[in-house]
Amino acid sequence: MIEDWDTISFVIRSQYRVDVLSRLVEGPATPSRIATDEGIAIAHVSRALSGLRDDERGMVELLVSEDQKKGRVYGITEKGEAVWERLEAENML
């Protein structure tokens, strides 16, 4: 079980990050699909993906080439899944 409380805190400080992880737990998706499914603006999705994907946190990964600008598909990493499971286990959602 993940013990990185800084990472957990980072996620729960933003409902948008929670929403994006929640959607990616269901399966890979494009930012526009996440925005539609979660009912949030694409700008919020993009910002949340950027924070969740950074090298330090690594909870989300780009599943297509970095060069691809349209139709980018993102997925959740093992670390992201572990954080999500911990959030659920601790009733923090």
N, C-alpha and C. Protein backbone atom coordinates (compact mmCIF):
# COMPACT_ATOMS: atom_id res chain seq x y z
N MET A 1 0.85 -1.19 0.00
CA MET A 1 0.00 0.00 0.00
C MET A 1 0.89 1.25 0.00
N ILE A 2 0.48 2.22 -0.75
CA ILE A 2 1.28 3.44 -0.88
C ILE A 2 1.27 4.25 0.41
N GLU A 3 2.42 4.77 0.78
CA GLU A 3 2.55 5.56 2.01
C GLU A 3 2.96 7.00 1.71
N ASP A 4 2.92 7.39 0.46
CA ASP A 4 3.36 8.72 0.07
C ASP A 4 2.23 9.73 0.29
N TRP A 5 2.15 10.25 1.51
CA TRP A 5 1.06 11.16 1.86
C TRP A 5 1.16 12.48 1.12
N ASP A 6 2.36 12.91 0.73
CA ASP A 6 2.50 14.13 -0.07
C ASP A 6 1.77 13.97 -1.40
N THR A 7 1.93 12.81 -2.01
CA THR A 7 1.26 12.54 -3.29
C THR A 7 -0.25 12.48 -3.11
N ILE A 8 -0.69 11.81 -2.07
CA ILE A 8 -2.12 11.71 -1.80
C ILE A 8 -2.70 13.10 -1.56
N SER A 9 -2.00 13.90 -0.77
CA SER A 9 -2.43 15.27 -0.51
C SER A 9 -2.50 16.09 -1.79
N PHE A 10 -1.51 15.91 -2.67
CA PHE A 10 -1.50 16.62 -3.94
C PHE A 10 -2.77 16.32 -4.73
N VAL A 11 -3.16 15.07 -4.78
CA VAL A 11 -4.35 14.68 -5.55
C VAL A 11 -5.61 15.29 -4.95
N ILE A 12 -5.80 15.14 -3.64
CA ILE A 12 -7.07 15.57 -3.04
C ILE A 12 -7.20 17.08 -2.89
N ARG A 13 -6.11 17.81 -3.10
CA ARG A 13 -6.21 19.28 -3.06
C ARG A 13 -6.92 19.84 -4.28
N SER A 14 -7.14 19.04 -5.29
CA SER A 14 -7.83 19.50 -6.50
C SER A 14 -8.90 18.50 -6.91
N GLN A 15 -10.14 18.94 -6.93
CA GLN A 15 -11.22 18.06 -7.37
C GLN A 15 -11.01 17.64 -8.82
N TYR A 16 -10.35 18.51 -9.61
CA TYR A 16 -10.08 18.16 -11.01
C TYR A 16 -9.11 16.99 -11.11
N ARG A 17 -8.08 16.97 -10.26
CA ARG A 17 -7.16 15.83 -10.27
C ARG A 17 -7.88 14.56 -9.84
N VAL A 18 -8.74 14.68 -8.85
CA VAL A 18 -9.53 13.52 -8.40
C VAL A 18 -10.41 13.03 -9.56
N ASP A 19 -11.08 13.95 -10.25
CA ASP A 19 -11.96 13.59 -11.36
C ASP A 19 -11.20 12.90 -12.49
N VAL A 20 -10.02 13.43 -12.82
CA VAL A 20 -9.22 12.86 -13.91
C VAL A 20 -8.76 11.45 -13.53
N LEU A 21 -8.24 11.28 -12.32
CA LEU A 21 -7.83 9.93 -11.90
C LEU A 21 -9.01 8.98 -11.88
N SER A 22 -10.14 9.46 -11.39
CA SER A 22 -11.35 8.64 -11.34
C SER A 22 -11.71 8.12 -12.72
N ARG A 23 -11.63 8.98 -13.71
CA ARG A 23 -11.97 8.57 -15.08
C ARG A 23 -10.93 7.61 -15.64
N LEU A 24 -9.65 7.87 -15.38
CA LEU A 24 -8.60 7.01 -15.94
C LEU A 24 -8.53 5.64 -15.28
N VAL A 25 -9.06 5.52 -14.08
CA VAL A 25 -9.14 4.20 -13.44
C VAL A 25 -10.03 3.27 -14.29
N GLU A 26 -11.00 3.86 -14.97
CA GLU A 26 -11.91 3.10 -15.82
C GLU A 26 -11.25 2.65 -17.12
N GLY A 27 -10.20 3.35 -17.55
CA GLY A 27 -9.51 3.00 -18.79
C GLY A 27 -8.91 4.23 -19.44
N PRO A 28 -8.01 4.03 -20.42
CA PRO A 28 -7.37 5.14 -21.10
C PRO A 28 -8.39 6.06 -21.78
N ALA A 29 -8.03 7.34 -21.93
CA ALA A 29 -8.93 8.30 -22.55
C ALA A 29 -8.18 9.53 -23.04
N THR A 30 -8.80 10.23 -23.96
CA THR A 30 -8.27 11.52 -24.42
C THR A 30 -8.74 12.60 -23.46
N PRO A 31 -8.05 13.73 -23.43
CA PRO A 31 -8.50 14.83 -22.57
C PRO A 31 -9.95 15.25 -22.85
N SER A 32 -10.34 15.28 -24.12
CA SER A 32 -11.71 15.70 -24.43
C SER A 32 -12.72 14.68 -23.92
N ARG A 33 -12.39 13.40 -23.96
CA ARG A 33 -13.29 12.37 -23.43
C ARG A 33 -13.41 12.50 -21.91
N ILE A 34 -12.28 12.75 -21.25
CA ILE A 34 -12.30 12.93 -19.80
C ILE A 34 -13.18 14.13 -19.44
N ALA A 35 -12.99 15.24 -20.17
CA ALA A 35 -13.78 16.45 -19.92
C ALA A 35 -15.27 16.17 -20.08
N THR A 36 -15.63 15.48 -21.13
CA THR A 36 -17.04 15.15 -21.38
C THR A 36 -17.58 14.23 -20.31
N ASP A 37 -16.84 13.16 -20.02
CA ASP A 37 -17.31 12.16 -19.04
C ASP A 37 -17.45 12.75 -17.64
N GLU A 38 -16.54 13.65 -17.28
CA GLU A 38 -16.54 14.20 -15.92
C GLU A 38 -17.28 15.54 -15.82
N GLY A 39 -17.66 16.11 -16.96
CA GLY A 39 -18.39 17.37 -16.96
C GLY A 39 -17.57 18.56 -16.50
N ILE A 40 -16.29 18.57 -16.90
CA ILE A 40 -15.40 19.68 -16.53
C ILE A 40 -14.74 20.25 -17.78
N ALA A 41 -14.26 21.47 -17.69
CA ALA A 41 -13.63 22.14 -18.83
C ALA A 41 -12.31 21.47 -19.22
N ILE A 42 -12.05 21.45 -20.52
CA ILE A 42 -10.83 20.83 -21.04
C ILE A 42 -9.58 21.48 -20.44
N ALA A 43 -9.62 22.78 -20.16
CA ALA A 43 -8.45 23.45 -19.57
C ALA A 43 -8.13 22.86 -18.20
N HIS A 44 -9.15 22.55 -17.43
CA HIS A 44 -8.93 21.94 -16.11
C HIS A 44 -8.37 20.52 -16.26
N VAL A 45 -8.87 19.80 -17.25
CA VAL A 45 -8.36 18.44 -17.50
C VAL A 45 -6.89 18.50 -17.88
N SER A 46 -6.54 19.40 -18.80
CA SER A 46 -5.15 19.52 -19.25
C SER A 46 -4.21 19.85 -18.09
N ARG A 47 -4.63 20.79 -17.25
CA ARG A 47 -3.80 21.18 -16.10
C ARG A 47 -3.66 20.01 -15.12
N ALA A 48 -4.76 19.29 -14.88
CA ALA A 48 -4.71 18.15 -13.96
C ALA A 48 -3.81 17.05 -14.52
N LEU A 49 -3.94 16.76 -15.82
CA LEU A 49 -3.09 15.74 -16.43
C LEU A 49 -1.61 16.11 -16.31
N SER A 50 -1.31 17.37 -16.54
CA SER A 50 0.07 17.83 -16.45
C SER A 50 0.65 17.59 -15.05
N GLY A 51 -0.11 17.93 -14.03
CA GLY A 51 0.35 17.73 -12.65
C GLY A 51 0.47 16.26 -12.28
N LEU A 52 -0.47 15.47 -12.73
CA LEU A 52 -0.46 14.04 -12.41
C LEU A 52 0.62 13.29 -13.18
N ARG A 53 1.02 13.86 -14.30
CA ARG A 53 1.97 13.19 -15.18
C ARG A 53 3.41 13.58 -14.92
N ASP A 54 3.67 14.64 -14.19
CA ASP A 54 5.05 15.12 -14.05
C ASP A 54 5.98 14.02 -13.55
N ASP A 55 7.26 14.20 -13.82
CA ASP A 55 8.25 13.16 -13.53
C ASP A 55 8.27 12.72 -12.07
N GLU A 56 8.04 13.66 -11.18
CA GLU A 56 8.08 13.35 -9.75
C GLU A 56 6.90 12.48 -9.32
N ARG A 57 5.72 12.78 -9.86
CA ARG A 57 4.52 12.07 -9.40
C ARG A 57 4.22 10.83 -10.24
N GLY A 58 4.26 10.94 -11.54
CA GLY A 58 4.13 9.78 -12.43
C GLY A 58 2.88 8.94 -12.23
N MET A 59 1.74 9.56 -11.99
CA MET A 59 0.50 8.79 -11.80
C MET A 59 -0.26 8.57 -13.09
N VAL A 60 0.09 9.36 -14.11
CA VAL A 60 -0.56 9.29 -15.41
C VAL A 60 0.53 9.26 -16.47
N GLU A 61 0.28 8.53 -17.57
CA GLU A 61 1.26 8.48 -18.65
C GLU A 61 0.58 8.72 -19.99
N LEU A 62 1.35 9.30 -20.91
CA LEU A 62 0.90 9.49 -22.27
C LEU A 62 1.13 8.17 -23.00
N LEU A 63 0.09 7.65 -23.64
CA LEU A 63 0.18 6.33 -24.27
C LEU A 63 0.49 6.40 -25.77
N VAL A 64 0.57 7.61 -26.32
CA VAL A 64 0.92 7.78 -27.73
C VAL A 64 2.21 8.59 -27.80
N SER A 65 2.71 8.76 -29.00
CA SER A 65 3.96 9.51 -29.21
C SER A 65 3.85 10.93 -28.67
N GLU A 66 4.92 11.39 -28.09
CA GLU A 66 5.00 12.75 -27.55
C GLU A 66 4.78 13.78 -28.67
N ASP A 67 5.09 13.40 -29.91
CA ASP A 67 4.94 14.30 -31.06
C ASP A 67 3.49 14.50 -31.46
N GLN A 68 2.64 13.58 -31.08
CA GLN A 68 1.23 13.66 -31.46
C GLN A 68 0.55 14.77 -30.67
N LYS A 69 -0.05 15.70 -31.38
CA LYS A 69 -0.68 16.85 -30.73
C LYS A 69 -2.19 16.68 -30.59
N LYS A 70 -2.80 15.93 -31.48
CA LYS A 70 -4.25 15.69 -31.41
C LYS A 70 -4.49 14.22 -31.10
N GLY A 71 -5.58 13.96 -30.41
CA GLY A 71 -5.92 12.57 -30.10
C GLY A 71 -4.97 11.91 -29.12
N ARG A 72 -4.40 12.70 -28.22
CA ARG A 72 -3.50 12.13 -27.21
C ARG A 72 -4.30 11.26 -26.24
N VAL A 73 -3.80 10.09 -25.99
CA VAL A 73 -4.47 9.16 -25.10
C VAL A 73 -3.62 8.99 -23.85
N TYR A 74 -4.28 9.13 -22.69
CA TYR A 74 -3.59 9.01 -21.41
C TYR A 74 -4.11 7.80 -20.66
N GLY A 75 -3.25 7.23 -19.86
CA GLY A 75 -3.63 6.10 -19.02
C GLY A 75 -3.07 6.30 -17.62
N ILE A 76 -3.58 5.54 -16.70
CA ILE A 76 -3.12 5.61 -15.31
C ILE A 76 -1.96 4.61 -15.13
N THR A 77 -0.97 4.98 -14.35
CA THR A 77 0.17 4.10 -14.08
C THR A 77 -0.13 3.24 -12.85
N GLU A 78 0.78 2.32 -12.57
CA GLU A 78 0.63 1.51 -11.35
C GLU A 78 0.62 2.40 -10.11
N LYS A 79 1.47 3.41 -10.12
CA LYS A 79 1.51 4.34 -8.99
C LYS A 79 0.17 5.06 -8.85
N GLY A 80 -0.39 5.50 -9.98
CA GLY A 80 -1.69 6.16 -9.96
C GLY A 80 -2.79 5.26 -9.41
N GLU A 81 -2.76 4.00 -9.82
CA GLU A 81 -3.74 3.03 -9.31
C GLU A 81 -3.58 2.82 -7.82
N ALA A 82 -2.32 2.75 -7.35
CA ALA A 82 -2.07 2.57 -5.92
C ALA A 82 -2.57 3.77 -5.12
N VAL A 83 -2.35 4.97 -5.65
CA VAL A 83 -2.85 6.18 -4.98
C VAL A 83 -4.38 6.14 -4.93
N TRP A 84 -5.01 5.80 -6.05
CA TRP A 84 -6.47 5.74 -6.10
C TRP A 84 -7.02 4.73 -5.08
N GLU A 85 -6.40 3.56 -5.04
CA GLU A 85 -6.84 2.53 -4.08
C GLU A 85 -6.71 3.02 -2.65
N ARG A 86 -5.64 3.75 -2.36
CA ARG A 86 -5.44 4.28 -1.01
C ARG A 86 -6.48 5.34 -0.67
N LEU A 87 -6.79 6.20 -1.66
CA LEU A 87 -7.84 7.21 -1.44
C LEU A 87 -9.17 6.55 -1.12
N GLU A 88 -9.49 5.49 -1.84
CA GLU A 88 -10.73 4.76 -1.59
C GLU A 88 -10.70 4.08 -0.21
N ALA A 89 -9.58 3.44 0.10
CA ALA A 89 -9.46 2.71 1.37
C ALA A 89 -9.58 3.63 2.58
N GLU A 90 -9.08 4.85 2.42
CA GLU A 90 -9.09 5.82 3.52
C GLU A 90 -10.35 6.70 3.51
N ASN A 91 -11.29 6.39 2.60
CA ASN A 91 -12.53 7.18 2.46
C ASN A 91 -12.25 8.67 2.25
N MET A 92 -11.28 8.96 1.37
CA MET A 92 -10.88 10.34 1.15
C MET A 92 -11.48 10.91 -0.12
N LEU A 93 -12.41 10.21 -0.74
CA LEU A 93 -13.01 10.69 -1.99
C LEU A 93 -14.37 11.28 -1.74
